[in-house]
Structures are given as structure tokens and as C-alpha cells.
């Protein structure tokens, strides 16, 4: 199973139109941690259908990476009903990702990057 891909041309539009929680995970093909997160997110999508999950290849989308201004991979952003909510930093496991989402949604949104 592969995650739906976003790029610098459809990132904002797709996430703005996504109802409910959505994760955008920025990865790179050569990043070992990214591979672990991708695998965990693929398992997550099979168990939790209430959260939309997308992947962005940071290497292929430098304009979007520069716009958002992050410096580490993987980077995981949580959106809720089309609005940026926060950056998440869970462990690469289904349980940790779910706990992080639930905890974050119980708190006020942070400012978008």
C-alpha cells in the first residue's frame, strides 16, 4: 500500500478540502527514518480510516519545503477540517501516531508555518 502523494501544486488545495483530521508527512527516498514513518503510516491508514494521510517527497518539492520552513525529515503536519493544526513528533508506530493526533486535537491549534 502506498500513501497518496501531494506536491507543491496540490498541497494546500487538497488539505483545505479534506474534512476531518489529515496528516501530511514530508519524506525523502534516502531517509531511513522516513521509511520507518512511511511504513507506520501505511499500517495506520489500514486501521484508522477517520484520518486522511498524505505523503510529500521533500526532495521533489523544494518550493513547498522552503515555504513551510522546516529543517528535519520526516516532518509530520496535522490539519483538521482544512486548517493547519500543528506539527506532530510521534514515534514511528501506529499507537504513537494515534495518541499524538488525539492529544493534539484536544488542544488549541498553533500558528501555521
N, C-alpha and C. Protein backbone atom coordinates (compact mmCIF):
# COMPACT_ATOMS: atom_id res chain seq x y z
N UNK A 1 0.84 -1.18 0.00
CA UNK A 1 0.00 0.00 0.00
C UNK A 1 0.89 1.24 0.00
N UNK A 2 0.58 2.19 -0.85
CA UNK A 2 1.33 3.43 -0.83
C UNK A 2 0.40 4.57 -0.44
N UNK A 3 0.96 5.60 0.12
CA UNK A 3 0.20 6.75 0.57
C UNK A 3 -0.08 7.68 -0.60
N UNK A 4 -1.23 8.35 -0.61
CA UNK A 4 -1.50 9.35 -1.65
C UNK A 4 -0.44 10.45 -1.60
N UNK A 5 0.03 10.86 -2.75
CA UNK A 5 1.10 11.84 -2.84
C UNK A 5 0.56 13.26 -3.05
N UNK A 6 1.17 14.20 -2.35
CA UNK A 6 0.90 15.62 -2.58
C UNK A 6 2.16 16.26 -3.10
N UNK A 7 2.00 17.36 -3.83
CA UNK A 7 3.16 18.12 -4.29
C UNK A 7 2.89 19.60 -4.09
N UNK A 8 3.84 20.42 -4.50
CA UNK A 8 3.72 21.86 -4.27
C UNK A 8 2.55 22.48 -5.02
N UNK A 9 2.00 21.77 -5.99
CA UNK A 9 0.90 22.31 -6.78
C UNK A 9 -0.47 21.96 -6.21
N UNK A 10 -0.58 20.86 -5.48
CA UNK A 10 -1.90 20.47 -4.95
C UNK A 10 -1.95 20.39 -3.42
N UNK A 11 -0.85 20.66 -2.75
CA UNK A 11 -0.76 20.52 -1.29
C UNK A 11 -1.86 21.31 -0.57
N UNK A 12 -1.84 22.63 -0.73
CA UNK A 12 -2.77 23.48 0.01
C UNK A 12 -4.22 23.20 -0.39
N UNK A 13 -4.47 23.10 -1.66
CA UNK A 13 -5.82 22.87 -2.16
C UNK A 13 -6.40 21.56 -1.61
N UNK A 14 -5.63 20.49 -1.69
CA UNK A 14 -6.11 19.19 -1.22
C UNK A 14 -6.39 19.21 0.28
N UNK A 15 -5.47 19.74 1.05
CA UNK A 15 -5.66 19.75 2.51
C UNK A 15 -6.80 20.68 2.93
N UNK A 16 -6.99 21.80 2.24
CA UNK A 16 -8.09 22.71 2.55
C UNK A 16 -9.44 22.04 2.32
N UNK A 17 -9.50 21.12 1.37
CA UNK A 17 -10.76 20.45 1.05
C UNK A 17 -10.96 19.12 1.77
N UNK A 18 -10.03 18.75 2.62
CA UNK A 18 -10.13 17.48 3.35
C UNK A 18 -10.90 17.69 4.65
N UNK A 19 -11.97 16.94 4.80
CA UNK A 19 -12.80 17.00 6.00
C UNK A 19 -12.20 16.12 7.09
N UNK A 20 -12.22 16.62 8.32
CA UNK A 20 -11.69 15.87 9.45
C UNK A 20 -10.18 15.99 9.53
N UNK A 21 -9.56 15.15 10.37
CA UNK A 21 -8.11 15.21 10.54
C UNK A 21 -7.39 14.69 9.30
N UNK A 22 -6.26 15.31 9.01
CA UNK A 22 -5.40 14.88 7.89
C UNK A 22 -3.95 15.07 8.29
N UNK A 23 -3.12 14.10 7.90
CA UNK A 23 -1.68 14.17 8.14
C UNK A 23 -0.98 14.37 6.82
N UNK A 24 0.01 15.25 6.82
CA UNK A 24 0.90 15.42 5.69
C UNK A 24 2.30 15.08 6.18
N UNK A 25 2.87 14.02 5.63
CA UNK A 25 4.19 13.56 6.06
C UNK A 25 5.21 13.87 4.98
N UNK A 26 6.18 14.71 5.31
CA UNK A 26 7.26 15.06 4.38
C UNK A 26 8.39 14.06 4.55
N UNK A 27 8.77 13.44 3.45
CA UNK A 27 9.79 12.40 3.47
C UNK A 27 10.79 12.63 2.36
N UNK A 28 11.80 11.77 2.32
CA UNK A 28 12.78 11.73 1.25
C UNK A 28 13.16 10.27 1.02
N UNK A 29 13.37 9.88 -0.23
CA UNK A 29 13.66 8.48 -0.53
C UNK A 29 14.90 7.92 0.20
N UNK A 30 15.90 8.74 0.45
CA UNK A 30 17.13 8.27 1.06
C UNK A 30 17.13 8.32 2.58
N UNK A 31 16.04 8.73 3.18
CA UNK A 31 15.95 8.94 4.62
C UNK A 31 15.45 7.67 5.31
N UNK A 32 16.27 7.06 6.16
CA UNK A 32 15.89 5.84 6.88
C UNK A 32 14.73 6.06 7.83
N UNK A 33 14.73 7.17 8.56
CA UNK A 33 13.62 7.48 9.47
C UNK A 33 12.33 7.67 8.70
N UNK A 34 12.44 8.24 7.51
CA UNK A 34 11.26 8.45 6.67
C UNK A 34 10.64 7.12 6.27
N UNK A 35 11.47 6.15 5.97
CA UNK A 35 10.97 4.82 5.59
C UNK A 35 10.21 4.19 6.75
N UNK A 36 10.70 4.36 7.97
CA UNK A 36 10.02 3.82 9.15
C UNK A 36 8.67 4.52 9.34
N UNK A 37 8.64 5.83 9.15
CA UNK A 37 7.38 6.56 9.30
C UNK A 37 6.40 6.19 8.19
N UNK A 38 6.88 6.07 6.98
CA UNK A 38 6.02 5.68 5.86
C UNK A 38 5.36 4.34 6.14
N UNK A 39 6.14 3.39 6.62
CA UNK A 39 5.61 2.07 6.95
C UNK A 39 4.56 2.15 8.06
N UNK A 40 4.84 2.91 9.11
CA UNK A 40 3.88 3.07 10.21
C UNK A 40 2.61 3.76 9.72
N UNK A 41 2.75 4.76 8.86
CA UNK A 41 1.58 5.46 8.35
C UNK A 41 0.74 4.57 7.43
N UNK A 42 1.40 3.72 6.67
CA UNK A 42 0.66 2.78 5.83
C UNK A 42 -0.17 1.82 6.69
N UNK A 43 0.41 1.33 7.78
CA UNK A 43 -0.34 0.48 8.71
C UNK A 43 -1.46 1.27 9.39
N UNK A 44 -1.15 2.51 9.73
CA UNK A 44 -2.13 3.39 10.39
C UNK A 44 -3.37 3.56 9.51
N UNK A 45 -3.17 3.81 8.21
CA UNK A 45 -4.31 4.05 7.32
C UNK A 45 -5.19 2.81 7.20
N UNK A 46 -4.63 1.64 7.38
CA UNK A 46 -5.42 0.42 7.34
C UNK A 46 -6.28 0.23 8.58
N UNK A 47 -5.89 0.87 9.68
CA UNK A 47 -6.61 0.71 10.95
C UNK A 47 -7.52 1.89 11.28
N UNK A 48 -7.13 3.08 10.88
CA UNK A 48 -7.84 4.30 11.27
C UNK A 48 -8.28 5.06 10.02
N UNK A 49 -9.47 4.79 9.56
CA UNK A 49 -9.96 5.42 8.33
C UNK A 49 -10.51 6.82 8.56
N UNK A 50 -10.58 7.28 9.82
CA UNK A 50 -11.10 8.61 10.10
C UNK A 50 -10.06 9.71 9.89
N UNK A 51 -8.82 9.34 9.59
CA UNK A 51 -7.74 10.30 9.37
C UNK A 51 -7.19 10.09 7.96
N UNK A 52 -7.18 11.18 7.18
CA UNK A 52 -6.58 11.12 5.84
C UNK A 52 -5.07 11.28 5.99
N UNK A 53 -4.32 10.49 5.25
CA UNK A 53 -2.86 10.53 5.34
C UNK A 53 -2.28 10.73 3.95
N UNK A 54 -1.37 11.71 3.84
CA UNK A 54 -0.72 12.04 2.57
C UNK A 54 0.79 12.07 2.78
N UNK A 55 1.51 11.84 1.70
CA UNK A 55 2.97 11.91 1.73
C UNK A 55 3.43 12.97 0.73
N UNK A 56 4.49 13.68 1.10
CA UNK A 56 5.10 14.68 0.23
C UNK A 56 6.58 14.35 0.13
N UNK A 57 7.08 14.19 -1.07
CA UNK A 57 8.51 13.97 -1.29
C UNK A 57 9.20 15.33 -1.20
N UNK A 58 9.88 15.57 -0.10
CA UNK A 58 10.53 16.87 0.13
C UNK A 58 11.60 17.17 -0.92
N UNK A 59 12.26 16.15 -1.37
CA UNK A 59 13.32 16.33 -2.37
C UNK A 59 12.76 16.84 -3.70
N UNK A 60 11.55 16.41 -4.04
CA UNK A 60 10.94 16.81 -5.31
C UNK A 60 10.11 18.09 -5.20
N UNK A 61 9.96 18.62 -3.99
CA UNK A 61 9.12 19.80 -3.76
C UNK A 61 9.82 20.85 -2.92
N UNK A 62 10.98 21.33 -3.38
CA UNK A 62 11.75 22.28 -2.56
C UNK A 62 11.02 23.60 -2.31
N UNK A 63 10.18 24.04 -3.23
CA UNK A 63 9.46 25.30 -3.01
C UNK A 63 8.52 25.18 -1.81
N UNK A 64 7.86 24.04 -1.69
CA UNK A 64 6.94 23.82 -0.57
C UNK A 64 7.72 23.68 0.73
N UNK A 65 8.84 22.98 0.69
CA UNK A 65 9.69 22.85 1.88
C UNK A 65 10.16 24.23 2.34
N UNK A 66 10.59 25.07 1.40
CA UNK A 66 11.03 26.42 1.76
C UNK A 66 9.88 27.25 2.32
N UNK A 67 8.70 27.12 1.73
CA UNK A 67 7.54 27.86 2.20
C UNK A 67 7.20 27.50 3.64
N UNK A 68 7.24 26.22 3.97
CA UNK A 68 6.87 25.77 5.31
C UNK A 68 8.01 25.92 6.31
N UNK A 69 9.23 25.98 5.81
CA UNK A 69 10.38 26.32 6.64
C UNK A 69 10.80 25.29 7.67
N UNK A 70 10.69 24.02 7.37
CA UNK A 70 11.16 23.02 8.33
C UNK A 70 12.55 22.53 7.93
N UNK A 71 13.24 21.91 8.92
CA UNK A 71 14.64 21.56 8.70
C UNK A 71 14.96 20.09 8.94
N UNK A 72 13.97 19.27 9.25
CA UNK A 72 14.25 17.87 9.52
C UNK A 72 13.22 16.98 8.83
N UNK A 73 13.65 15.79 8.53
CA UNK A 73 12.76 14.79 7.94
C UNK A 73 12.77 13.56 8.82
N UNK A 74 11.69 12.87 8.94
CA UNK A 74 10.39 13.25 8.40
C UNK A 74 9.76 14.36 9.23
N UNK A 75 8.92 15.16 8.59
CA UNK A 75 8.11 16.16 9.27
C UNK A 75 6.66 15.80 9.06
N UNK A 76 5.89 15.85 10.13
CA UNK A 76 4.50 15.40 10.09
C UNK A 76 3.61 16.55 10.56
N UNK A 77 2.75 17.01 9.65
CA UNK A 77 1.85 18.12 9.95
C UNK A 77 0.42 17.62 10.05
N UNK A 78 -0.28 18.08 11.08
CA UNK A 78 -1.67 17.73 11.30
C UNK A 78 -2.56 18.88 10.87
N UNK A 79 -3.56 18.58 10.06
CA UNK A 79 -4.59 19.52 9.65
C UNK A 79 -5.92 19.00 10.18
N UNK A 80 -6.86 19.91 10.40
CA UNK A 80 -8.19 19.48 10.83
C UNK A 80 -9.22 20.34 10.12
N UNK A 81 -10.09 19.69 9.36
CA UNK A 81 -11.11 20.38 8.57
C UNK A 81 -10.52 21.49 7.72
N UNK A 82 -9.41 21.19 7.07
CA UNK A 82 -8.80 22.11 6.12
C UNK A 82 -7.88 23.15 6.70
N UNK A 83 -7.74 23.19 8.02
CA UNK A 83 -6.89 24.18 8.67
C UNK A 83 -5.68 23.52 9.31
N UNK A 84 -4.52 24.18 9.21
CA UNK A 84 -3.33 23.69 9.90
C UNK A 84 -3.62 23.64 11.39
N UNK A 85 -3.21 22.55 12.05
CA UNK A 85 -3.41 22.43 13.49
C UNK A 85 -2.08 22.49 14.24
N UNK A 86 -1.12 21.63 13.83
CA UNK A 86 0.18 21.64 14.50
C UNK A 86 1.13 20.66 13.80
N UNK A 87 2.38 20.73 14.19
CA UNK A 87 3.36 19.72 13.78
C UNK A 87 3.36 18.64 14.86
N UNK A 88 3.40 17.39 14.42
CA UNK A 88 3.46 16.27 15.35
C UNK A 88 4.86 15.67 15.35
N UNK A 89 5.25 15.09 16.48
CA UNK A 89 6.54 14.42 16.56
C UNK A 89 6.41 13.08 17.30
N UNK A 90 5.54 12.20 16.78
CA UNK A 90 5.37 10.89 17.43
C UNK A 90 6.49 9.93 17.06
N UNK A 91 6.53 8.82 17.76
CA UNK A 91 7.41 7.72 17.37
C UNK A 91 6.79 7.07 16.12
N UNK A 92 7.57 6.37 15.32
CA UNK A 92 7.02 5.74 14.12
C UNK A 92 6.27 4.43 14.41
N UNK A 93 5.18 4.57 15.16
CA UNK A 93 4.32 3.42 15.45
C UNK A 93 2.87 3.86 15.34
N UNK A 94 2.01 2.92 15.00
CA UNK A 94 0.59 3.22 14.85
C UNK A 94 0.03 3.81 16.14
N UNK A 95 0.36 3.21 17.26
CA UNK A 95 -0.17 3.66 18.55
C UNK A 95 0.30 5.07 18.89
N UNK A 96 1.57 5.35 18.68
CA UNK A 96 2.12 6.67 18.99
C UNK A 96 1.52 7.74 18.07
N UNK A 97 1.33 7.42 16.82
CA UNK A 97 0.72 8.37 15.89
C UNK A 97 -0.71 8.68 16.33
N UNK A 98 -1.48 7.66 16.67
CA UNK A 98 -2.88 7.86 17.10
C UNK A 98 -2.94 8.70 18.37
N UNK A 99 -2.10 8.37 19.36
CA UNK A 99 -2.08 9.15 20.61
C UNK A 99 -1.73 10.61 20.35
N UNK A 100 -0.75 10.84 19.48
CA UNK A 100 -0.33 12.21 19.17
C UNK A 100 -1.45 13.01 18.51
N UNK A 101 -2.17 12.37 17.59
CA UNK A 101 -3.29 13.04 16.93
C UNK A 101 -4.38 13.38 17.95
N UNK A 102 -4.77 12.41 18.74
CA UNK A 102 -5.83 12.62 19.73
C UNK A 102 -5.46 13.73 20.72
N UNK A 103 -4.23 13.70 21.20
CA UNK A 103 -3.77 14.72 22.15
C UNK A 103 -3.77 16.09 21.50
N UNK A 104 -3.24 16.19 20.28
CA UNK A 104 -3.15 17.48 19.59
C UNK A 104 -4.52 18.06 19.31
N UNK A 105 -5.47 17.22 18.90
CA UNK A 105 -6.81 17.72 18.59
C UNK A 105 -7.56 18.19 19.84
N UNK A 106 -7.10 17.77 21.00
CA UNK A 106 -7.68 18.23 22.26
C UNK A 106 -7.12 19.56 22.72
N UNK A 107 -6.16 20.08 22.01
CA UNK A 107 -5.52 21.35 22.35
C UNK A 107 -5.78 22.37 21.26
N UNK A 108 -5.62 23.66 21.57
CA UNK A 108 -5.83 24.67 20.53
C UNK A 108 -4.82 24.54 19.39
N UNK A 109 -5.22 24.95 18.21
CA UNK A 109 -4.34 24.92 17.04
C UNK A 109 -3.20 25.91 17.23
N UNK A 110 -2.07 25.59 16.62
CA UNK A 110 -0.92 26.50 16.63
C UNK A 110 -0.92 27.30 15.32
N UNK A 111 -0.06 28.28 15.27
CA UNK A 111 0.04 29.11 14.07
C UNK A 111 0.65 28.30 12.93
N UNK A 112 0.11 28.48 11.75
CA UNK A 112 0.63 27.76 10.57
C UNK A 112 2.05 28.21 10.27
N UNK A 113 2.86 27.27 9.76
CA UNK A 113 4.24 27.64 9.42
C UNK A 113 4.28 28.61 8.26
